[in-house]
C-alpha atoms as a PDB file:
ATOM      1  CA  UNK A   1      28.686 -71.201 -45.001  1.00  0.00           C
ATOM      2  CA  UNK A   2      30.379 -69.698 -41.906  1.00  0.00           C
ATOM      3  CA  UNK A   3      27.921 -67.875 -39.583  1.00  0.00           C
ATOM      4  CA  UNK A   4      28.566 -65.496 -36.724  1.00  0.00           C
ATOM      5  CA  UNK A   5      25.852 -65.086 -33.995  1.00  0.00           C
ATOM      6  CA  UNK A   6      25.500 -62.509 -31.200  1.00  0.00           C
ATOM      7  CA  UNK A   7      22.913 -61.167 -28.861  1.00  0.00           C
ATOM      8  CA  UNK A   8      22.399 -58.833 -25.944  1.00  0.00           C
ATOM      9  CA  UNK A   9      20.861 -59.959 -22.630  1.00  0.00           C
ATOM     10  CA  UNK A  10      17.284 -59.537 -23.948  1.00  0.00           C
ATOM     11  CA  UNK A  11      17.744 -62.427 -26.376  1.00  0.00           C
ATOM     12  CA  UNK A  12      20.408 -64.577 -24.625  1.00  0.00           C
ATOM     13  CA  UNK A  13      18.148 -67.524 -24.106  1.00  0.00           C
ATOM     14  CA  UNK A  14      16.892 -67.392 -27.687  1.00  0.00           C
ATOM     15  CA  UNK A  15      20.461 -67.287 -28.908  1.00  0.00           C
ATOM     16  CA  UNK A  16      21.326 -70.405 -26.978  1.00  0.00           C
ATOM     17  CA  UNK A  17      18.332 -72.184 -28.532  1.00  0.00           C
ATOM     18  CA  UNK A  18      19.380 -71.153 -31.990  1.00  0.00           C
ATOM     19  CA  UNK A  19      22.978 -72.289 -31.349  1.00  0.00           C
ATOM     20  CA  UNK A  20      21.667 -75.665 -30.475  1.00  0.00           C
ATOM     21  CA  UNK A  21      19.593 -75.797 -33.644  1.00  0.00           C
ATOM     22  CA  UNK A  22      22.599 -74.600 -35.790  1.00  0.00           C
ATOM     23  CA  UNK A  23      24.772 -77.341 -34.312  1.00  0.00           C
ATOM     24  CA  UNK A  24      22.071 -80.026 -34.885  1.00  0.00           C
ATOM     25  CA  UNK A  25      21.908 -78.935 -38.542  1.00  0.00           C
ATOM     26  CA  UNK A  26      25.776 -78.882 -38.868  1.00  0.00           C
ATOM     27  CA  UNK A  27      26.195 -75.143 -39.514  1.00  0.00           C
ATOM     28  CA  UNK A  28      29.629 -73.679 -38.652  1.00  0.00           C
ATOM     29  CA  UNK A  29      29.213 -70.672 -36.459  1.00  0.00           C
ATOM     30  CA  UNK A  30      31.048 -68.418 -33.972  1.00  0.00           C
ATOM     31  CA  UNK A  31      29.254 -66.931 -30.944  1.00  0.00           C
ATOM     32  CA  UNK A  32      30.521 -63.374 -30.233  1.00  0.00           C
ATOM     33  CA  UNK A  33      28.429 -63.016 -27.066  1.00  0.00           C
ATOM     34  CA  UNK A  34      26.935 -62.200 -24.810  1.00  0.00           C
ATOM     35  CA  UNK A  35      27.844 -65.384 -22.977  1.00  0.00           C
ATOM     36  CA  UNK A  36      25.419 -64.920 -20.037  1.00  0.00           C
ATOM     37  CA  UNK A  37      22.206 -63.165 -19.292  1.00  0.00           C
ATOM     38  CA  UNK A  38      23.850 -60.087 -17.680  1.00  0.00           C
ATOM     39  CA  UNK A  39      22.913 -56.651 -19.139  1.00  0.00           C
ATOM     40  CA  UNK A  40      25.111 -55.594 -22.069  1.00  0.00           C
ATOM     41  CA  UNK A  41      24.957 -53.078 -24.933  1.00  0.00           C
ATOM     42  CA  UNK A  42      23.585 -54.374 -28.210  1.00  0.00           C
ATOM     43  CA  UNK A  43      25.478 -51.904 -30.447  1.00  0.00           C
ATOM     44  CA  UNK A  44      28.752 -53.474 -29.461  1.00  0.00           C
ATOM     45  CA  UNK A  45      27.361 -56.954 -30.300  1.00  0.00           C
ATOM     46  CA  UNK A  46      26.249 -55.671 -33.672  1.00  0.00           C
ATOM     47  CA  UNK A  47      29.679 -54.175 -34.239  1.00  0.00           C
ATOM     48  CA  UNK A  48      31.338 -57.544 -33.547  1.00  0.00           C
ATOM     49  CA  UNK A  49      29.106 -59.376 -36.036  1.00  0.00           C
ATOM     50  CA  UNK A  50      29.313 -56.666 -38.673  1.00  0.00           C
ATOM     51  CA  UNK A  51      33.091 -56.421 -38.578  1.00  0.00           C
ATOM     52  CA  UNK A  52      33.517 -60.202 -38.841  1.00  0.00           C
ATOM     53  CA  UNK A  53      31.494 -60.088 -42.031  1.00  0.00           C
ATOM     54  CA  UNK A  54      33.341 -57.101 -43.409  1.00  0.00           C
ATOM     55  CA  UNK A  55      36.704 -58.888 -42.764  1.00  0.00           C
ATOM     56  CA  UNK A  56      35.466 -62.035 -44.493  1.00  0.00           C
ATOM     57  CA  UNK A  57      35.613 -64.084 -41.312  1.00  0.00           C
ATOM     58  CA  UNK A  58      31.909 -64.940 -41.741  1.00  0.00           C
ATOM     59  CA  UNK A  59      29.577 -65.041 -44.681  1.00  0.00           C
ATOM     60  CA  UNK A  60      26.386 -64.136 -42.828  1.00  0.00           C
ATOM     61  CA  UNK A  61      25.371 -63.041 -39.283  1.00  0.00           C
ATOM     62  CA  UNK A  62      22.549 -63.585 -36.866  1.00  0.00           C
ATOM     63  CA  UNK A  63      21.763 -60.797 -34.399  1.00  0.00           C
ATOM     64  CA  UNK A  64      19.263 -60.869 -31.516  1.00  0.00           C
ATOM     65  CA  UNK A  65      18.101 -58.314 -29.022  1.00  0.00           C
ATOM     66  CA  UNK A  66      14.833 -57.787 -27.184  1.00  0.00           C
ATOM     67  CA  UNK A  67      12.930 -56.697 -30.339  1.00  0.00           C
ATOM     68  CA  UNK A  68      15.549 -57.012 -33.019  1.00  0.00           C
ATOM     69  CA  UNK A  69      15.044 -53.417 -33.968  1.00  0.00           C
ATOM     70  CA  UNK A  70      17.948 -51.685 -32.193  1.00  0.00           C
ATOM     71  CA  UNK A  71      20.519 -54.334 -33.117  1.00  0.00           C
ATOM     72  CA  UNK A  72      19.508 -54.233 -36.784  1.00  0.00           C
ATOM     73  CA  UNK A  73      19.790 -50.394 -36.855  1.00  0.00           C
ATOM     74  CA  UNK A  74      23.227 -50.614 -35.335  1.00  0.00           C
ATOM     75  CA  UNK A  75      24.410 -53.353 -37.769  1.00  0.00           C
ATOM     76  CA  UNK A  76      23.155 -51.327 -40.759  1.00  0.00           C
ATOM     77  CA  UNK A  77      25.600 -48.512 -39.922  1.00  0.00           C
ATOM     78  CA  UNK A  78      28.466 -50.657 -41.196  1.00  0.00           C
ATOM     79  CA  UNK A  79      29.338 -50.593 -44.925  1.00  0.00           C
ATOM     80  CA  UNK A  80      28.398 -53.749 -46.764  1.00  0.00           C
ATOM     81  CA  UNK A  81      25.910 -54.883 -44.030  1.00  0.00           C
ATOM     82  CA  UNK A  82      22.365 -55.549 -44.980  1.00  0.00           C
ATOM     83  CA  UNK A  83      20.629 -56.429 -41.742  1.00  0.00           C
ATOM     84  CA  UNK A  84      16.981 -57.363 -42.027  1.00  0.00           C
ATOM     85  CA  UNK A  85      14.552 -57.724 -39.085  1.00  0.00           C
ATOM     86  CA  UNK A  86      12.411 -60.817 -39.808  1.00  0.00           C
ATOM     87  CA  UNK A  87       9.564 -62.128 -37.738  1.00  0.00           C
ATOM     88  CA  UNK A  88       8.037 -64.810 -39.933  1.00  0.00           C
ATOM     89  CA  UNK A  89       8.642 -67.067 -42.844  1.00  0.00           C
ATOM     90  CA  UNK A  90       7.640 -64.517 -45.491  1.00  0.00           C
ATOM     91  CA  UNK A  91       9.892 -61.633 -44.175  1.00  0.00           C
ATOM     92  CA  UNK A  92      12.796 -64.069 -43.807  1.00  0.00           C
ATOM     93  CA  UNK A  93      12.417 -65.289 -47.398  1.00  0.00           C
ATOM     94  CA  UNK A  94      12.023 -61.766 -48.864  1.00  0.00           C
ATOM     95  CA  UNK A  95      14.987 -60.453 -46.937  1.00  0.00           C
ATOM     96  CA  UNK A  96      17.181 -62.937 -48.769  1.00  0.00           C
ATOM     97  CA  UNK A  97      15.375 -63.262 -52.100  1.00  0.00           C
ATOM     98  CA  UNK A  98      14.989 -59.544 -52.741  1.00  0.00           C
ATOM     99  CA  UNK A  99      17.510 -57.823 -50.482  1.00  0.00           C
ATOM    100  CA  UNK A 100      20.344 -60.391 -50.183  1.00  0.00           C
ATOM    101  CA  UNK A 101      20.388 -59.697 -46.418  1.00  0.00           C
ATOM    102  CA  UNK A 102      23.695 -60.847 -44.928  1.00  0.00           C
ATOM    103  CA  UNK A 103      22.498 -60.398 -41.362  1.00  0.00           C
ATOM    104  CA  UNK A 104      19.284 -61.724 -39.887  1.00  0.00           C
ATOM    105  CA  UNK A 105      17.901 -59.815 -36.833  1.00  0.00           C
ATOM    106  CA  UNK A 106      15.238 -61.172 -34.546  1.00  0.00           C
ATOM    107  CA  UNK A 107      13.674 -60.292 -31.206  1.00  0.00           C
ATOM    108  CA  UNK A 108      14.034 -62.546 -28.271  1.00  0.00           C
ATOM    109  CA  UNK A 109      11.129 -60.916 -26.492  1.00  0.00           C
ATOM    110  CA  UNK A 110       8.931 -61.050 -29.674  1.00  0.00           C
ATOM    111  CA  UNK A 111       9.462 -64.539 -31.121  1.00  0.00           C
ATOM    112  CA  UNK A 112       9.152 -67.903 -29.450  1.00  0.00           C
ATOM    113  CA  UNK A 113      11.971 -70.299 -30.143  1.00  0.00           C
ATOM    114  CA  UNK A 114      10.023 -72.476 -32.662  1.00  0.00           C
ATOM    115  CA  UNK A 115       9.015 -69.507 -34.804  1.00  0.00           C
ATOM    116  CA  UNK A 116      12.581 -68.205 -34.597  1.00  0.00           C
ATOM    117  CA  UNK A 117      13.974 -71.576 -35.773  1.00  0.00           C
ATOM    118  CA  UNK A 118      11.575 -71.458 -38.716  1.00  0.00           C
ATOM    119  CA  UNK A 119      12.617 -67.896 -39.605  1.00  0.00           C
ATOM    120  CA  UNK A 120      16.277 -68.952 -39.315  1.00  0.00           C
ATOM    121  CA  UNK A 121      15.836 -72.017 -41.447  1.00  0.00           C
ATOM    122  CA  UNK A 122      14.009 -70.059 -44.172  1.00  0.00           C
ATOM    123  CA  UNK A 123      16.626 -67.340 -44.121  1.00  0.00           C
ATOM    124  CA  UNK A 124      19.540 -69.747 -44.372  1.00  0.00           C
ATOM    125  CA  UNK A 125      17.959 -71.797 -47.200  1.00  0.00           C
ATOM    126  CA  UNK A 126      16.763 -68.895 -49.374  1.00  0.00           C
ATOM    127  CA  UNK A 127      19.040 -67.656 -52.191  1.00  0.00           C
ATOM    128  CA  UNK A 128      19.197 -64.179 -53.509  1.00  0.00           C
ATOM    129  CA  UNK A 129      16.980 -63.711 -56.588  1.00  0.00           C
ATOM    130  CA  UNK A 130      19.400 -61.466 -58.458  1.00  0.00           C
ATOM    131  CA  UNK A 131      18.307 -59.839 -61.730  1.00  0.00           C
ATOM    132  CA  UNK A 132      16.053 -56.878 -61.109  1.00  0.00           C
ATOM    133  CA  UNK A 133      16.934 -56.850 -57.380  1.00  0.00           C
ATOM    134  CA  UNK A 134      20.619 -56.328 -57.985  1.00  0.00           C
ATOM    135  CA  UNK A 135      20.073 -52.831 -59.403  1.00  0.00           C
ATOM    136  CA  UNK A 136      18.443 -51.806 -56.114  1.00  0.00           C
ATOM    137  CA  UNK A 137      21.292 -53.361 -54.068  1.00  0.00           C
ATOM    138  CA  UNK A 138      23.768 -51.410 -56.185  1.00  0.00           C
ATOM    139  CA  UNK A 139      21.960 -48.209 -55.460  1.00  0.00           C
ATOM    140  CA  UNK A 140      21.991 -48.909 -51.781  1.00  0.00           C
ATOM    141  CA  UNK A 141      25.748 -49.747 -51.923  1.00  0.00           C
ATOM    142  CA  UNK A 142      26.323 -46.462 -53.687  1.00  0.00           C
ATOM    143  CA  UNK A 143      25.206 -44.656 -50.602  1.00  0.00           C
ATOM    144  CA  UNK A 144      28.132 -46.194 -48.758  1.00  0.00           C
ATOM    145  CA  UNK A 145      30.757 -45.252 -51.368  1.00  0.00           C
ATOM    146  CA  UNK A 146      33.092 -42.404 -50.414  1.00  0.00           C
ATOM    147  CA  UNK A 147      32.094 -39.110 -51.912  1.00  0.00           C
ATOM    148  CA  UNK A 148      34.642 -37.208 -53.903  1.00  0.00           C
ATOM    149  CA  UNK A 149      34.898 -33.652 -52.557  1.00  0.00           C
ATOM    150  CA  UNK A 150      33.884 -31.005 -55.027  1.00  0.00           C
ATOM    151  CA  UNK A 151      36.143 -28.032 -55.482  1.00  0.00           C
ATOM    152  CA  UNK A 152      34.935 -24.467 -56.158  1.00  0.00           C
ATOM    153  CA  UNK A 153      34.652 -23.839 -59.896  1.00  0.00           C
ATOM    154  CA  UNK A 154      34.358 -27.404 -60.999  1.00  0.00           C
END
């Protein structure tokens, strides 16, 4: 599994901790930034991660900002992206099992590094449950599909 990870300044330190954990567990990943603790805009980081997934350059993404809220909202604007904000073992597991989340969002100012590592490990090891959940994912994906314009009189 190829991962892509990115953060803004509010979660830079947590990102560095998670990169070390990923390396220790032999996950392949690309870091799209930020590469220092200087202020930056989280929507652009979300865009980088989302577009890599859309192009098939990564299977899943990890996004971090101060709370995880803004960066998950930004990522979910991209077709095919299902970014889930997780803050514990249960939400991480459900985001994969029920929602097939392909992006994990967490907050660097909300979670300590050990909890974040547990969330990440759970998220990476949980498979999508399929079956009844697929119908709902198909409904969500239909919202992304281009709409055919209706003509007068049809």
